[in-house]
Amino acid sequence: MDKKFKRPADLVKIRNKLKNKRKKVVFTNGCFDLLHSGHVHLFREAKKKGDVFIVAVNDDASVKKIKGTSRPIFPLEERIEILGAIEEIDYLTSFSEETPQKIIALLLPDVLVKGGDWKPDEVVGRKEVEEVGGEVVIIPYLEGSSSSEIIKRILSSAKS
């Protein structure tokens, strides 16, 4: 695994140290099984919202539950390696549940970021983050930047 990858328990310790140093922690999550420009845009904009940026990645079993049996495109270890190369990301972790609620409740980031395909009231972890004074930020969606759309285009072009 990438050196940025930390177990949730280790991230909690890191988070506490950052809080004591008054560092603003930004968090997002997702499957990230086919990285594209929309993800890169999200990461760049998210990093601007604070000092330290944490990304939680759905493990393979939870991606299958959410996206279907043909996903993920890349297994967790490869997704972590690819995400680890993105300079805006400071730490990575993974989770096995279908939602990141548990990890968000553990870390209580200062800023919870999601892409523009989410409405603020749909964001998992919003309640926990806002209860401790944090905020939820929606980064505008880049049209045509969807893993599912890209997969459909690839399959369509393969049939031609």
C-alpha atoms as a PDB file:
ATOM      1  CA  MET A   1       0.000   0.000   0.000  1.00  0.00           C
ATOM      2  CA  ASP A   2       0.991   3.606  -0.527  1.00  0.00           C
ATOM      3  CA  LYS A   3       2.849   5.446   2.264  1.00  0.00           C
ATOM      4  CA  LYS A   4      -0.084   7.886   2.516  1.00  0.00           C
ATOM      5  CA  PHE A   5      -2.393   5.001   3.434  1.00  0.00           C
ATOM      6  CA  LYS A   6      -3.332   4.822   7.121  1.00  0.00           C
ATOM      7  CA  ARG A   7      -5.669   2.609   9.097  1.00  0.00           C
ATOM      8  CA  PRO A   8      -8.659   4.517  10.538  1.00  0.00           C
ATOM      9  CA  ALA A   9      -7.301   4.162  14.099  1.00  0.00           C
ATOM     10  CA  ASP A  10      -4.005   5.748  13.044  1.00  0.00           C
ATOM     11  CA  LEU A  11      -5.837   8.535  11.240  1.00  0.00           C
ATOM     12  CA  VAL A  12      -7.750   9.363  14.414  1.00  0.00           C
ATOM     13  CA  LYS A  13      -4.413   9.920  16.202  1.00  0.00           C
ATOM     14  CA  ILE A  14      -3.157  12.056  13.315  1.00  0.00           C
ATOM     15  CA  ARG A  15      -6.433  14.001  13.299  1.00  0.00           C
ATOM     16  CA  ASN A  16      -6.135  14.741  17.024  1.00  0.00           C
ATOM     17  CA  LYS A  17      -2.576  16.051  16.582  1.00  0.00           C
ATOM     18  CA  LEU A  18      -3.721  18.230  13.676  1.00  0.00           C
ATOM     19  CA  LYS A  19      -6.604  19.589  15.749  1.00  0.00           C
ATOM     20  CA  ASN A  20      -4.182  20.546  18.541  1.00  0.00           C
ATOM     21  CA  LYS A  21      -2.095  22.411  15.941  1.00  0.00           C
ATOM     22  CA  ARG A  22      -5.259  24.156  14.693  1.00  0.00           C
ATOM     23  CA  LYS A  23      -4.884  22.615  11.233  1.00  0.00           C
ATOM     24  CA  LYS A  24      -8.043  22.468   9.112  1.00  0.00           C
ATOM     25  CA  VAL A  25      -8.815  18.906   7.949  1.00  0.00           C
ATOM     26  CA  VAL A  26     -10.726  18.324   4.713  1.00  0.00           C
ATOM     27  CA  PHE A  27     -12.299  14.941   3.922  1.00  0.00           C
ATOM     28  CA  THR A  28     -13.925  13.282   0.957  1.00  0.00           C
ATOM     29  CA  ASN A  29     -14.737   9.729   0.009  1.00  0.00           C
ATOM     30  CA  GLY A  30     -15.672   7.629  -2.970  1.00  0.00           C
ATOM     31  CA  CYS A  31     -15.071   4.525  -5.031  1.00  0.00           C
ATOM     32  CA  PHE A  32     -12.541   6.174  -7.376  1.00  0.00           C
ATOM     33  CA  ASP A  33     -12.430   3.021  -9.469  1.00  0.00           C
ATOM     34  CA  LEU A  34     -11.706   4.812 -12.734  1.00  0.00           C
ATOM     35  CA  LEU A  35      -9.891   8.048 -12.040  1.00  0.00           C
ATOM     36  CA  HIS A  36     -10.731  10.956 -14.378  1.00  0.00           C
ATOM     37  CA  SER A  37     -10.464  14.740 -14.642  1.00  0.00           C
ATOM     38  CA  GLY A  38     -13.587  15.258 -12.517  1.00  0.00           C
ATOM     39  CA  HIS A  39     -11.868  13.508  -9.605  1.00  0.00           C
ATOM     40  CA  VAL A  40      -8.698  15.565 -10.080  1.00  0.00           C
ATOM     41  CA  HIS A  41     -10.803  18.757 -10.128  1.00  0.00           C
ATOM     42  CA  LEU A  42     -12.535  17.655  -6.901  1.00  0.00           C
ATOM     43  CA  PHE A  43      -9.197  16.914  -5.189  1.00  0.00           C
ATOM     44  CA  ARG A  44      -7.650  20.245  -6.203  1.00  0.00           C
ATOM     45  CA  GLU A  45     -10.650  22.249  -5.051  1.00  0.00           C
ATOM     46  CA  ALA A  46     -10.986  20.245  -1.822  1.00  0.00           C
ATOM     47  CA  LYS A  47      -7.348  20.791  -0.872  1.00  0.00           C
ATOM     48  CA  LYS A  48      -7.885  24.570  -1.164  1.00  0.00           C
ATOM     49  CA  LYS A  49     -10.464  24.325   1.663  1.00  0.00           C
ATOM     50  CA  GLY A  50      -7.944  23.401   4.371  1.00  0.00           C
ATOM     51  CA  ASP A  51      -4.476  22.327   5.446  1.00  0.00           C
ATOM     52  CA  VAL A  52      -4.705  18.532   5.304  1.00  0.00           C
ATOM     53  CA  PHE A  53      -6.766  16.489   2.844  1.00  0.00           C
ATOM     54  CA  ILE A  54      -7.922  12.951   3.664  1.00  0.00           C
ATOM     55  CA  VAL A  55      -9.555  10.654   1.097  1.00  0.00           C
ATOM     56  CA  ALA A  56     -11.444   7.520   2.174  1.00  0.00           C
ATOM     57  CA  VAL A  57     -11.907   4.859  -0.496  1.00  0.00           C
ATOM     58  CA  ASN A  58     -14.607   2.192  -0.638  1.00  0.00           C
ATOM     59  CA  ASP A  59     -13.086  -1.292  -0.540  1.00  0.00           C
ATOM     60  CA  ASP A  60     -13.832  -3.757  -3.358  1.00  0.00           C
ATOM     61  CA  ALA A  61     -16.803  -5.436  -1.657  1.00  0.00           C
ATOM     62  CA  SER A  62     -18.555  -2.134  -0.916  1.00  0.00           C
ATOM     63  CA  VAL A  63     -17.979  -0.919  -4.509  1.00  0.00           C
ATOM     64  CA  LYS A  64     -19.644  -4.093  -5.788  1.00  0.00           C
ATOM     65  CA  LYS A  65     -22.637  -3.478  -3.513  1.00  0.00           C
ATOM     66  CA  ILE A  66     -22.980   0.129  -4.695  1.00  0.00           C
ATOM     67  CA  LYS A  67     -22.024  -0.088  -8.384  1.00  0.00           C
ATOM     68  CA  GLY A  68     -22.737  -3.719  -9.318  1.00  0.00           C
ATOM     69  CA  THR A  69     -20.742  -6.890  -9.857  1.00  0.00           C
ATOM     70  CA  SER A  70     -18.702  -5.517 -12.788  1.00  0.00           C
ATOM     71  CA  ARG A  71     -17.074  -2.932 -10.532  1.00  0.00           C
ATOM     72  CA  PRO A  72     -14.588  -1.880  -9.320  1.00  0.00           C
ATOM     73  CA  ILE A  73     -12.549  -1.592 -12.502  1.00  0.00           C
ATOM     74  CA  PHE A  74      -9.346  -1.582 -10.436  1.00  0.00           C
ATOM     75  CA  PRO A  75      -8.889  -3.388  -7.103  1.00  0.00           C
ATOM     76  CA  LEU A  76      -8.411  -1.365  -3.915  1.00  0.00           C
ATOM     77  CA  GLU A  77      -4.604  -1.694  -3.827  1.00  0.00           C
ATOM     78  CA  GLU A  78      -4.302  -0.244  -7.330  1.00  0.00           C
ATOM     79  CA  ARG A  79      -6.775   2.548  -6.586  1.00  0.00           C
ATOM     80  CA  ILE A  80      -4.785   3.465  -3.459  1.00  0.00           C
ATOM     81  CA  GLU A  81      -1.522   3.455  -5.428  1.00  0.00           C
ATOM     82  CA  ILE A  82      -2.986   5.735  -8.116  1.00  0.00           C
ATOM     83  CA  LEU A  83      -4.547   8.103  -5.567  1.00  0.00           C
ATOM     84  CA  GLY A  84      -1.293   8.156  -3.619  1.00  0.00           C
ATOM     85  CA  ALA A  85       0.386   9.820  -6.613  1.00  0.00           C
ATOM     86  CA  ILE A  86      -1.944  12.826  -6.393  1.00  0.00           C
ATOM     87  CA  GLU A  87      -0.071  15.555  -4.544  1.00  0.00           C
ATOM     88  CA  GLU A  88      -3.190  17.241  -3.121  1.00  0.00           C
ATOM     89  CA  ILE A  89      -4.028  14.103  -1.118  1.00  0.00           C
ATOM     90  CA  ASP A  90      -2.222  13.941   2.224  1.00  0.00           C
ATOM     91  CA  TYR A  91      -3.721  10.729   3.640  1.00  0.00           C
ATOM     92  CA  LEU A  92      -5.717   7.790   2.339  1.00  0.00           C
ATOM     93  CA  THR A  93      -7.785   5.181   4.102  1.00  0.00           C
ATOM     94  CA  SER A  94     -10.377   2.618   3.106  1.00  0.00           C
ATOM     95  CA  PHE A  95     -13.704   1.462   4.484  1.00  0.00           C
ATOM     96  CA  SER A  96     -15.875  -1.597   3.938  1.00  0.00           C
ATOM     97  CA  GLU A  97     -19.310  -0.161   4.651  1.00  0.00           C
ATOM     98  CA  GLU A  98     -21.523   1.164   1.861  1.00  0.00           C
ATOM     99  CA  THR A  99     -21.303   4.663   3.374  1.00  0.00           C
ATOM    100  CA  PRO A 100     -18.432   6.511   5.083  1.00  0.00           C
ATOM    101  CA  GLN A 101     -20.572   7.414   8.107  1.00  0.00           C
ATOM    102  CA  LYS A 102     -18.397   5.530  10.625  1.00  0.00           C
ATOM    103  CA  ILE A 103     -15.081   6.976   9.438  1.00  0.00           C
ATOM    104  CA  ILE A 104     -16.547  10.501   9.267  1.00  0.00           C
ATOM    105  CA  ALA A 105     -17.915  10.146  12.817  1.00  0.00           C
ATOM    106  CA  LEU A 106     -14.446   9.006  13.953  1.00  0.00           C
ATOM    107  CA  LEU A 107     -12.480  11.780  12.241  1.00  0.00           C
ATOM    108  CA  LEU A 108     -14.978  14.665  12.415  1.00  0.00           C
ATOM    109  CA  PRO A 109     -13.275  16.671   9.671  1.00  0.00           C
ATOM    110  CA  ASP A 110     -13.563  20.445   9.605  1.00  0.00           C
ATOM    111  CA  VAL A 111     -14.713  20.327   5.991  1.00  0.00           C
ATOM    112  CA  LEU A 112     -16.618  17.472   4.344  1.00  0.00           C
ATOM    113  CA  VAL A 113     -16.406  17.735   0.557  1.00  0.00           C
ATOM    114  CA  LYS A 114     -18.517  16.016  -2.097  1.00  0.00           C
ATOM    115  CA  GLY A 115     -18.872  16.452  -5.835  1.00  0.00           C
ATOM    116  CA  GLY A 116     -21.648  18.408  -7.507  1.00  0.00           C
ATOM    117  CA  ASP A 117     -23.690  15.272  -8.132  1.00  0.00           C
ATOM    118  CA  TRP A 118     -24.598  15.388  -4.416  1.00  0.00           C
ATOM    119  CA  LYS A 119     -27.156  17.653  -2.765  1.00  0.00           C
ATOM    120  CA  PRO A 120     -26.058  18.967   0.664  1.00  0.00           C
ATOM    121  CA  ASP A 121     -28.923  17.228   2.499  1.00  0.00           C
ATOM    122  CA  GLU A 122     -27.918  13.871   0.939  1.00  0.00           C
ATOM    123  CA  VAL A 123     -24.305  13.975   2.149  1.00  0.00           C
ATOM    124  CA  VAL A 124     -23.552  11.161   4.581  1.00  0.00           C
ATOM    125  CA  GLY A 125     -21.813  12.499   7.704  1.00  0.00           C
ATOM    126  CA  ARG A 126     -23.204  16.011   7.313  1.00  0.00           C
ATOM    127  CA  LYS A 127     -25.011  15.900  10.645  1.00  0.00           C
ATOM    128  CA  GLU A 128     -21.922  14.780  12.584  1.00  0.00           C
ATOM    129  CA  VAL A 129     -19.628  17.329  10.934  1.00  0.00           C
ATOM    130  CA  GLU A 130     -22.012  20.275  11.350  1.00  0.00           C
ATOM    131  CA  GLU A 131     -22.754  19.368  14.988  1.00  0.00           C
ATOM    132  CA  VAL A 132     -19.103  20.035  15.861  1.00  0.00           C
ATOM    133  CA  GLY A 133     -18.907  23.268  13.862  1.00  0.00           C
ATOM    134  CA  GLY A 134     -17.657  21.840  10.585  1.00  0.00           C
ATOM    135  CA  GLU A 135     -19.048  22.520   7.141  1.00  0.00           C
ATOM    136  CA  VAL A 136     -20.156  20.592   4.072  1.00  0.00           C
ATOM    137  CA  VAL A 137     -18.902  21.902   0.726  1.00  0.00           C
ATOM    138  CA  ILE A 138     -20.195  20.777  -2.658  1.00  0.00           C
ATOM    139  CA  ILE A 139     -17.653  21.187  -5.466  1.00  0.00           C
ATOM    140  CA  PRO A 140     -19.356  21.865  -8.815  1.00  0.00           C
ATOM    141  CA  TYR A 141     -19.579  18.819 -11.073  1.00  0.00           C
ATOM    142  CA  LEU A 142     -17.610  18.748 -14.340  1.00  0.00           C
ATOM    143  CA  GLU A 143     -19.968  17.683 -17.146  1.00  0.00           C
ATOM    144  CA  GLY A 144     -19.032  14.374 -18.731  1.00  0.00           C
ATOM    145  CA  SER A 145     -16.704  13.458 -15.860  1.00  0.00           C
ATOM    146  CA  SER A 146     -18.354  10.325 -14.558  1.00  0.00           C
ATOM    147  CA  SER A 147     -16.773   6.888 -14.303  1.00  0.00           C
ATOM    148  CA  SER A 148     -20.062   5.281 -15.357  1.00  0.00           C
ATOM    149  CA  GLU A 149     -20.305   7.577 -18.411  1.00  0.00           C
ATOM    150  CA  ILE A 150     -16.694   6.826 -19.368  1.00  0.00           C
ATOM    151  CA  ILE A 151     -17.276   3.065 -19.068  1.00  0.00           C
ATOM    152  CA  LYS A 152     -20.375   3.358 -21.302  1.00  0.00           C
ATOM    153  CA  ARG A 153     -18.346   5.286 -23.910  1.00  0.00           C
ATOM    154  CA  ILE A 154     -15.578   2.655 -23.843  1.00  0.00           C
ATOM    155  CA  LEU A 155     -18.071  -0.201 -24.238  1.00  0.00           C
ATOM    156  CA  SER A 156     -19.876   1.638 -27.020  1.00  0.00           C
ATOM    157  CA  SER A 157     -16.655   2.312 -28.949  1.00  0.00           C
ATOM    158  CA  ALA A 158     -15.563  -1.313 -28.518  1.00  0.00           C
ATOM    159  CA  LYS A 159     -18.768  -2.459 -30.254  1.00  0.00           C
ATOM    160  CA  SER A 160     -18.196  -0.201 -33.279  1.00  0.00           C
END
